[in-house]
Amino acid sequence: METISNSLFWISNGLLVPVIVLLLLFFLRAIILAGGFFGEFYQRMKLQKQLSEMLETITPENINEQLQNLPQAGKQPLLRCLKKLAEHRDNAAYCERLLANFEVDAEKELGRSRTFIKLGPMLGLMGTLIPMGPALVGLATGDISSMAYNMQVAFATTVVGMVIAAVGVITLQVKQRWYAREINDLEYLDKTLRNKTNE
């Protein structure tokens, strides 16, 4: 039994470095995600204002003119999808496929935030529990400096894991609203284009 316990102890300690490395990598990715999120937020605010004004006044009669007033698609998936819907308005199957692919891409983008939400606390908890064993050993043997070091590692990994999860939660909630609104707008514009085609 002691051999098994010692084996588990060494395996657990051996996982500490990989866990810390993964935490640092996910933390860097979370920072990059947060930076890209704020840039995307600024772009979407401008686009959404213009798109909302267009949706208020769009009709089957003036839809072509309204679409020409939109900015170039660039890196905006919404505009790219909208332009393709307008180009293939006569092909109902293709338009349905475009909308379905847009939803799939949205889910893929949301998957990044969900990964941070799940793995951030998981890695943080592992990084907390693993050093606790050596810390207790240090406490039992009177090695206070070793105990303090391991407790410092434990608390640091917890904080980093929670920061990663927080970035994931915030970006996920906001992006879910973005994509829900965009899918609704695309479906509305698709129906308007169909009405124009059927006239």
C-alpha atoms as a PDB file:
ATOM      1  CA  MET A   1       0.000   0.000   0.000  1.00  0.00           C
ATOM      2  CA  GLU A   2       2.855   2.347   0.802  1.00  0.00           C
ATOM      3  CA  THR A   3       4.364   1.686  -2.632  1.00  0.00           C
ATOM      4  CA  ILE A   4       1.093   2.598  -4.318  1.00  0.00           C
ATOM      5  CA  SER A   5       0.750   5.759  -2.226  1.00  0.00           C
ATOM      6  CA  ASN A   6       4.303   6.807  -3.031  1.00  0.00           C
ATOM      7  CA  SER A   7       3.700   6.156  -6.737  1.00  0.00           C
ATOM      8  CA  LEU A   8       0.599   8.355  -6.694  1.00  0.00           C
ATOM      9  CA  PHE A   9       2.537  11.031  -4.825  1.00  0.00           C
ATOM     10  CA  TRP A  10       5.332  11.098  -7.398  1.00  0.00           C
ATOM     11  CA  ILE A  11       2.890  11.042 -10.310  1.00  0.00           C
ATOM     12  CA  SER A  12       1.000  13.940  -8.779  1.00  0.00           C
ATOM     13  CA  ASN A  13       4.167  15.955  -8.215  1.00  0.00           C
ATOM     14  CA  GLY A  14       5.322  15.173 -11.739  1.00  0.00           C
ATOM     15  CA  LEU A  15       2.163  16.782 -13.115  1.00  0.00           C
ATOM     16  CA  LEU A  16       2.835  20.126 -11.442  1.00  0.00           C
ATOM     17  CA  VAL A  17       5.183  21.509 -14.096  1.00  0.00           C
ATOM     18  CA  PRO A  18       2.929  20.525 -17.056  1.00  0.00           C
ATOM     19  CA  VAL A  19      -0.069  22.045 -15.247  1.00  0.00           C
ATOM     20  CA  ILE A  20       1.771  25.323 -14.642  1.00  0.00           C
ATOM     21  CA  VAL A  21       2.957  25.430 -18.267  1.00  0.00           C
ATOM     22  CA  LEU A  22      -0.594  24.830 -19.511  1.00  0.00           C
ATOM     23  CA  LEU A  23      -1.913  27.515 -17.175  1.00  0.00           C
ATOM     24  CA  LEU A  24       0.594  30.017 -18.543  1.00  0.00           C
ATOM     25  CA  LEU A  25      -0.276  29.099 -22.141  1.00  0.00           C
ATOM     26  CA  PHE A  26      -3.996  29.411 -21.491  1.00  0.00           C
ATOM     27  CA  PHE A  27      -3.414  32.688 -19.673  1.00  0.00           C
ATOM     28  CA  LEU A  28      -1.566  34.100 -22.690  1.00  0.00           C
ATOM     29  CA  ARG A  29      -4.345  32.883 -24.991  1.00  0.00           C
ATOM     30  CA  ALA A  30      -6.917  34.457 -22.685  1.00  0.00           C
ATOM     31  CA  ILE A  31      -5.084  37.797 -22.865  1.00  0.00           C
ATOM     32  CA  ILE A  32      -4.997  37.548 -26.666  1.00  0.00           C
ATOM     33  CA  LEU A  33      -8.691  36.635 -26.724  1.00  0.00           C
ATOM     34  CA  ALA A  34      -9.543  39.594 -24.489  1.00  0.00           C
ATOM     35  CA  GLY A  35      -7.562  41.995 -26.682  1.00  0.00           C
ATOM     36  CA  GLY A  36      -9.203  40.709 -29.850  1.00  0.00           C
ATOM     37  CA  PHE A  37     -12.579  40.845 -28.133  1.00  0.00           C
ATOM     38  CA  PHE A  38     -12.305  44.561 -27.392  1.00  0.00           C
ATOM     39  CA  GLY A  39     -11.215  45.287 -30.957  1.00  0.00           C
ATOM     40  CA  GLU A  40     -14.114  43.251 -32.300  1.00  0.00           C
ATOM     41  CA  PHE A  41     -16.488  44.982 -29.883  1.00  0.00           C
ATOM     42  CA  TYR A  42     -15.535  48.393 -31.293  1.00  0.00           C
ATOM     43  CA  GLN A  43     -16.007  47.238 -34.895  1.00  0.00           C
ATOM     44  CA  ARG A  44     -19.333  45.571 -34.168  1.00  0.00           C
ATOM     45  CA  MET A  45     -20.688  48.668 -32.426  1.00  0.00           C
ATOM     46  CA  LYS A  46     -20.156  50.713 -35.578  1.00  0.00           C
ATOM     47  CA  LEU A  47     -21.488  47.985 -37.863  1.00  0.00           C
ATOM     48  CA  GLN A  48     -24.517  47.220 -35.693  1.00  0.00           C
ATOM     49  CA  LYS A  49     -25.562  50.860 -35.648  1.00  0.00           C
ATOM     50  CA  GLN A  50     -25.431  51.036 -39.440  1.00  0.00           C
ATOM     51  CA  LEU A  51     -27.144  47.675 -39.835  1.00  0.00           C
ATOM     52  CA  SER A  52     -29.920  48.578 -37.392  1.00  0.00           C
ATOM     53  CA  GLU A  53     -30.674  51.738 -39.351  1.00  0.00           C
ATOM     54  CA  MET A  54     -30.799  49.701 -42.549  1.00  0.00           C
ATOM     55  CA  LEU A  55     -33.142  47.093 -41.059  1.00  0.00           C
ATOM     56  CA  GLU A  56     -35.553  49.819 -39.960  1.00  0.00           C
ATOM     57  CA  THR A  57     -35.966  51.131 -43.498  1.00  0.00           C
ATOM     58  CA  ILE A  58     -35.317  48.085 -45.679  1.00  0.00           C
ATOM     59  CA  THR A  59     -38.031  46.820 -48.014  1.00  0.00           C
ATOM     60  CA  PRO A  60     -38.046  44.364 -50.929  1.00  0.00           C
ATOM     61  CA  GLU A  61     -38.039  47.393 -53.249  1.00  0.00           C
ATOM     62  CA  ASN A  62     -34.967  49.176 -51.870  1.00  0.00           C
ATOM     63  CA  ILE A  63     -32.925  46.226 -50.617  1.00  0.00           C
ATOM     64  CA  ASN A  64     -30.397  46.383 -53.467  1.00  0.00           C
ATOM     65  CA  GLU A  65     -29.703  50.043 -52.797  1.00  0.00           C
ATOM     66  CA  GLN A  66     -29.421  49.421 -49.061  1.00  0.00           C
ATOM     67  CA  LEU A  67     -26.944  46.580 -49.539  1.00  0.00           C
ATOM     68  CA  GLN A  68     -24.693  48.772 -51.677  1.00  0.00           C
ATOM     69  CA  ASN A  69     -24.419  51.267 -48.815  1.00  0.00           C
ATOM     70  CA  LEU A  70     -22.910  48.663 -46.486  1.00  0.00           C
ATOM     71  CA  PRO A  71     -19.108  48.709 -45.976  1.00  0.00           C
ATOM     72  CA  GLN A  72     -16.812  46.142 -47.525  1.00  0.00           C
ATOM     73  CA  ALA A  73     -16.992  42.694 -45.937  1.00  0.00           C
ATOM     74  CA  GLY A  74     -13.372  42.581 -44.797  1.00  0.00           C
ATOM     75  CA  LYS A  75     -13.034  40.327 -41.768  1.00  0.00           C
ATOM     76  CA  GLN A  76     -16.681  40.646 -40.740  1.00  0.00           C
ATOM     77  CA  PRO A  77     -18.384  37.220 -41.120  1.00  0.00           C
ATOM     78  CA  LEU A  78     -21.802  38.892 -40.982  1.00  0.00           C
ATOM     79  CA  LEU A  79     -21.100  41.115 -43.983  1.00  0.00           C
ATOM     80  CA  ARG A  80     -19.528  38.266 -45.962  1.00  0.00           C
ATOM     81  CA  CYS A  81     -22.569  36.093 -45.346  1.00  0.00           C
ATOM     82  CA  LEU A  82     -24.906  38.954 -46.211  1.00  0.00           C
ATOM     83  CA  LYS A  83     -23.127  39.665 -49.498  1.00  0.00           C
ATOM     84  CA  LYS A  84     -23.303  35.982 -50.460  1.00  0.00           C
ATOM     85  CA  LEU A  85     -26.998  35.848 -49.588  1.00  0.00           C
ATOM     86  CA  ALA A  86     -27.588  38.769 -51.932  1.00  0.00           C
ATOM     87  CA  GLU A  87     -25.511  37.201 -54.713  1.00  0.00           C
ATOM     88  CA  HIS A  88     -27.282  33.817 -54.496  1.00  0.00           C
ATOM     89  CA  ARG A  89     -30.772  34.984 -53.601  1.00  0.00           C
ATOM     90  CA  ASP A  90     -32.276  32.770 -56.327  1.00  0.00           C
ATOM     91  CA  ASN A  91     -30.764  29.615 -54.820  1.00  0.00           C
ATOM     92  CA  ALA A  92     -32.775  28.806 -51.692  1.00  0.00           C
ATOM     93  CA  ALA A  93     -30.739  25.709 -50.841  1.00  0.00           C
ATOM     94  CA  TYR A  94     -27.463  27.621 -51.025  1.00  0.00           C
ATOM     95  CA  CYS A  95     -28.833  30.398 -48.805  1.00  0.00           C
ATOM     96  CA  GLU A  96     -29.978  27.876 -46.208  1.00  0.00           C
ATOM     97  CA  ARG A  97     -26.530  26.302 -46.297  1.00  0.00           C
ATOM     98  CA  LEU A  98     -24.929  29.723 -45.801  1.00  0.00           C
ATOM     99  CA  LEU A  99     -27.052  30.385 -42.726  1.00  0.00           C
ATOM    100  CA  ALA A 100     -26.300  26.928 -41.325  1.00  0.00           C
ATOM    101  CA  ASN A 101     -22.559  27.406 -41.881  1.00  0.00           C
ATOM    102  CA  PHE A 102     -22.741  30.798 -40.174  1.00  0.00           C
ATOM    103  CA  GLU A 103     -24.253  29.142 -37.103  1.00  0.00           C
ATOM    104  CA  VAL A 104     -21.565  26.441 -37.159  1.00  0.00           C
ATOM    105  CA  ASP A 105     -18.813  29.071 -37.353  1.00  0.00           C
ATOM    106  CA  ALA A 106     -20.447  30.966 -34.485  1.00  0.00           C
ATOM    107  CA  GLU A 107     -20.464  27.826 -32.342  1.00  0.00           C
ATOM    108  CA  LYS A 108     -16.816  27.232 -33.218  1.00  0.00           C
ATOM    109  CA  GLU A 109     -15.919  30.737 -32.096  1.00  0.00           C
ATOM    110  CA  LEU A 110     -17.894  30.320 -28.864  1.00  0.00           C
ATOM    111  CA  GLY A 111     -16.059  27.046 -28.261  1.00  0.00           C
ATOM    112  CA  ARG A 112     -12.864  28.948 -27.449  1.00  0.00           C
ATOM    113  CA  SER A 113     -14.522  30.765 -24.577  1.00  0.00           C
ATOM    114  CA  ARG A 114     -16.148  27.550 -23.351  1.00  0.00           C
ATOM    115  CA  THR A 115     -12.728  25.888 -23.317  1.00  0.00           C
ATOM    116  CA  PHE A 116     -11.364  28.619 -21.056  1.00  0.00           C
ATOM    117  CA  ILE A 117     -14.381  28.339 -18.754  1.00  0.00           C
ATOM    118  CA  LYS A 118     -13.887  24.601 -18.298  1.00  0.00           C
ATOM    119  CA  LEU A 119     -10.113  24.188 -18.357  1.00  0.00           C
ATOM    120  CA  GLY A 120      -9.185  27.343 -16.433  1.00  0.00           C
ATOM    121  CA  PRO A 121     -10.684  26.262 -13.080  1.00  0.00           C
ATOM    122  CA  MET A 122      -9.710  22.632 -13.724  1.00  0.00           C
ATOM    123  CA  LEU A 123      -6.029  23.458 -14.193  1.00  0.00           C
ATOM    124  CA  GLY A 124      -6.197  25.978 -11.358  1.00  0.00           C
ATOM    125  CA  LEU A 125      -7.583  23.332  -9.014  1.00  0.00           C
ATOM    126  CA  MET A 126      -4.909  20.843 -10.044  1.00  0.00           C
ATOM    127  CA  GLY A 127      -2.255  23.499  -9.516  1.00  0.00           C
ATOM    128  CA  THR A 128      -3.706  24.119  -6.058  1.00  0.00           C
ATOM    129  CA  LEU A 129      -3.993  20.530  -4.882  1.00  0.00           C
ATOM    130  CA  ILE A 130      -0.662  19.216  -6.176  1.00  0.00           C
ATOM    131  CA  PRO A 131       1.566  21.530  -4.057  1.00  0.00           C
ATOM    132  CA  MET A 132      -0.599  20.934  -0.988  1.00  0.00           C
ATOM    133  CA  GLY A 133       1.004  17.501  -0.473  1.00  0.00           C
ATOM    134  CA  PRO A 134       4.586  18.810  -0.270  1.00  0.00           C
ATOM    135  CA  ALA A 135       3.305  21.743   1.811  1.00  0.00           C
ATOM    136  CA  LEU A 136       1.839  19.359   4.391  1.00  0.00           C
ATOM    137  CA  VAL A 137       5.066  17.363   4.395  1.00  0.00           C
ATOM    138  CA  GLY A 138       6.992  20.583   5.016  1.00  0.00           C
ATOM    139  CA  LEU A 139       4.627  21.464   7.854  1.00  0.00           C
ATOM    140  CA  ALA A 140       5.085  18.035   9.439  1.00  0.00           C
ATOM    141  CA  THR A 141       8.881  18.212   9.240  1.00  0.00           C
ATOM    142  CA  GLY A 142       9.082  21.832  10.352  1.00  0.00           C
ATOM    143  CA  ASP A 143      10.321  23.080   6.958  1.00  0.00           C
ATOM    144  CA  ILE A 144       8.317  26.303   6.959  1.00  0.00           C
ATOM    145  CA  SER A 145      10.092  27.807   3.935  1.00  0.00           C
ATOM    146  CA  SER A 146       9.177  24.785   1.782  1.00  0.00           C
ATOM    147  CA  MET A 147       5.601  24.928   3.007  1.00  0.00           C
ATOM    148  CA  ALA A 148       5.357  28.659   2.272  1.00  0.00           C
ATOM    149  CA  TYR A 149       6.746  28.192  -1.250  1.00  0.00           C
ATOM    150  CA  ASN A 150       4.293  25.408  -2.086  1.00  0.00           C
ATOM    151  CA  MET A 151       1.356  27.374  -0.680  1.00  0.00           C
ATOM    152  CA  GLN A 152       2.429  30.342  -2.790  1.00  0.00           C
ATOM    153  CA  VAL A 153       2.368  28.158  -5.907  1.00  0.00           C
ATOM    154  CA  ALA A 154      -1.017  26.744  -4.909  1.00  0.00           C
ATOM    155  CA  PHE A 155      -2.676  30.135  -4.483  1.00  0.00           C
ATOM    156  CA  ALA A 156      -1.047  31.593  -7.605  1.00  0.00           C
ATOM    157  CA  THR A 157      -2.334  28.797  -9.831  1.00  0.00           C
ATOM    158  CA  THR A 158      -5.828  29.227  -8.386  1.00  0.00           C
ATOM    159  CA  VAL A 159      -5.860  32.928  -9.209  1.00  0.00           C
ATOM    160  CA  VAL A 160      -4.555  32.393 -12.751  1.00  0.00           C
ATOM    161  CA  GLY A 161      -7.119  29.658 -13.379  1.00  0.00           C
ATOM    162  CA  MET A 162      -9.965  31.890 -12.218  1.00  0.00           C
ATOM    163  CA  VAL A 163      -8.756  34.779 -14.400  1.00  0.00           C
ATOM    164  CA  ILE A 164      -8.781  32.458 -17.419  1.00  0.00           C
ATOM    165  CA  ALA A 165     -12.318  31.345 -16.580  1.00  0.00           C
ATOM    166  CA  ALA A 166     -13.460  34.953 -16.051  1.00  0.00           C
ATOM    167  CA  VAL A 167     -12.244  35.948 -19.516  1.00  0.00           C
ATOM    168  CA  GLY A 168     -14.095  32.957 -20.938  1.00  0.00           C
ATOM    169  CA  VAL A 169     -17.351  33.784 -19.140  1.00  0.00           C
ATOM    170  CA  ILE A 170     -17.388  37.451 -20.147  1.00  0.00           C
ATOM    171  CA  THR A 171     -16.532  36.838 -23.796  1.00  0.00           C
ATOM    172  CA  LEU A 172     -18.969  33.915 -24.047  1.00  0.00           C
ATOM    173  CA  GLN A 173     -21.936  35.874 -22.710  1.00  0.00           C
ATOM    174  CA  VAL A 174     -21.340  38.871 -24.952  1.00  0.00           C
ATOM    175  CA  LYS A 175     -20.588  36.820 -28.065  1.00  0.00           C
ATOM    176  CA  GLN A 176     -23.704  34.698 -27.579  1.00  0.00           C
ATOM    177  CA  ARG A 177     -25.785  37.875 -27.755  1.00  0.00           C
ATOM    178  CA  TRP A 178     -23.848  39.043 -30.808  1.00  0.00           C
ATOM    179  CA  TYR A 179     -24.380  35.851 -32.763  1.00  0.00           C
ATOM    180  CA  ALA A 180     -28.028  35.479 -31.723  1.00  0.00           C
ATOM    181  CA  ARG A 181     -28.731  38.976 -33.040  1.00  0.00           C
ATOM    182  CA  GLU A 182     -26.725  38.423 -36.222  1.00  0.00           C
ATOM    183  CA  ILE A 183     -28.478  35.136 -37.006  1.00  0.00           C
ATOM    184  CA  ASN A 184     -31.824  36.855 -36.491  1.00  0.00           C
ATOM    185  CA  ASP A 185     -30.784  39.728 -38.791  1.00  0.00           C
ATOM    186  CA  LEU A 186     -29.533  37.336 -41.481  1.00  0.00           C
ATOM    187  CA  GLU A 187     -32.748  35.321 -41.422  1.00  0.00           C
ATOM    188  CA  TYR A 188     -34.789  38.510 -41.724  1.00  0.00           C
ATOM    189  CA  LEU A 189     -32.698  39.772 -44.640  1.00  0.00           C
ATOM    190  CA  ASP A 190     -32.861  36.363 -46.304  1.00  0.00           C
ATOM    191  CA  LYS A 191     -36.664  36.449 -46.187  1.00  0.00           C
ATOM    192  CA  THR A 192     -36.658  40.000 -47.530  1.00  0.00           C
ATOM    193  CA  LEU A 193     -34.421  38.930 -50.418  1.00  0.00           C
ATOM    194  CA  ARG A 194     -36.734  36.001 -51.147  1.00  0.00           C
ATOM    195  CA  ASN A 195     -39.701  38.373 -51.299  1.00  0.00           C
ATOM    196  CA  LYS A 196     -37.793  40.555 -53.750  1.00  0.00           C
ATOM    197  CA  THR A 197     -36.955  37.503 -55.871  1.00  0.00           C
ATOM    198  CA  ASN A 198     -40.528  36.235 -55.927  1.00  0.00           C
ATOM    199  CA  GLU A 199     -41.937  39.517 -57.180  1.00  0.00           C
END
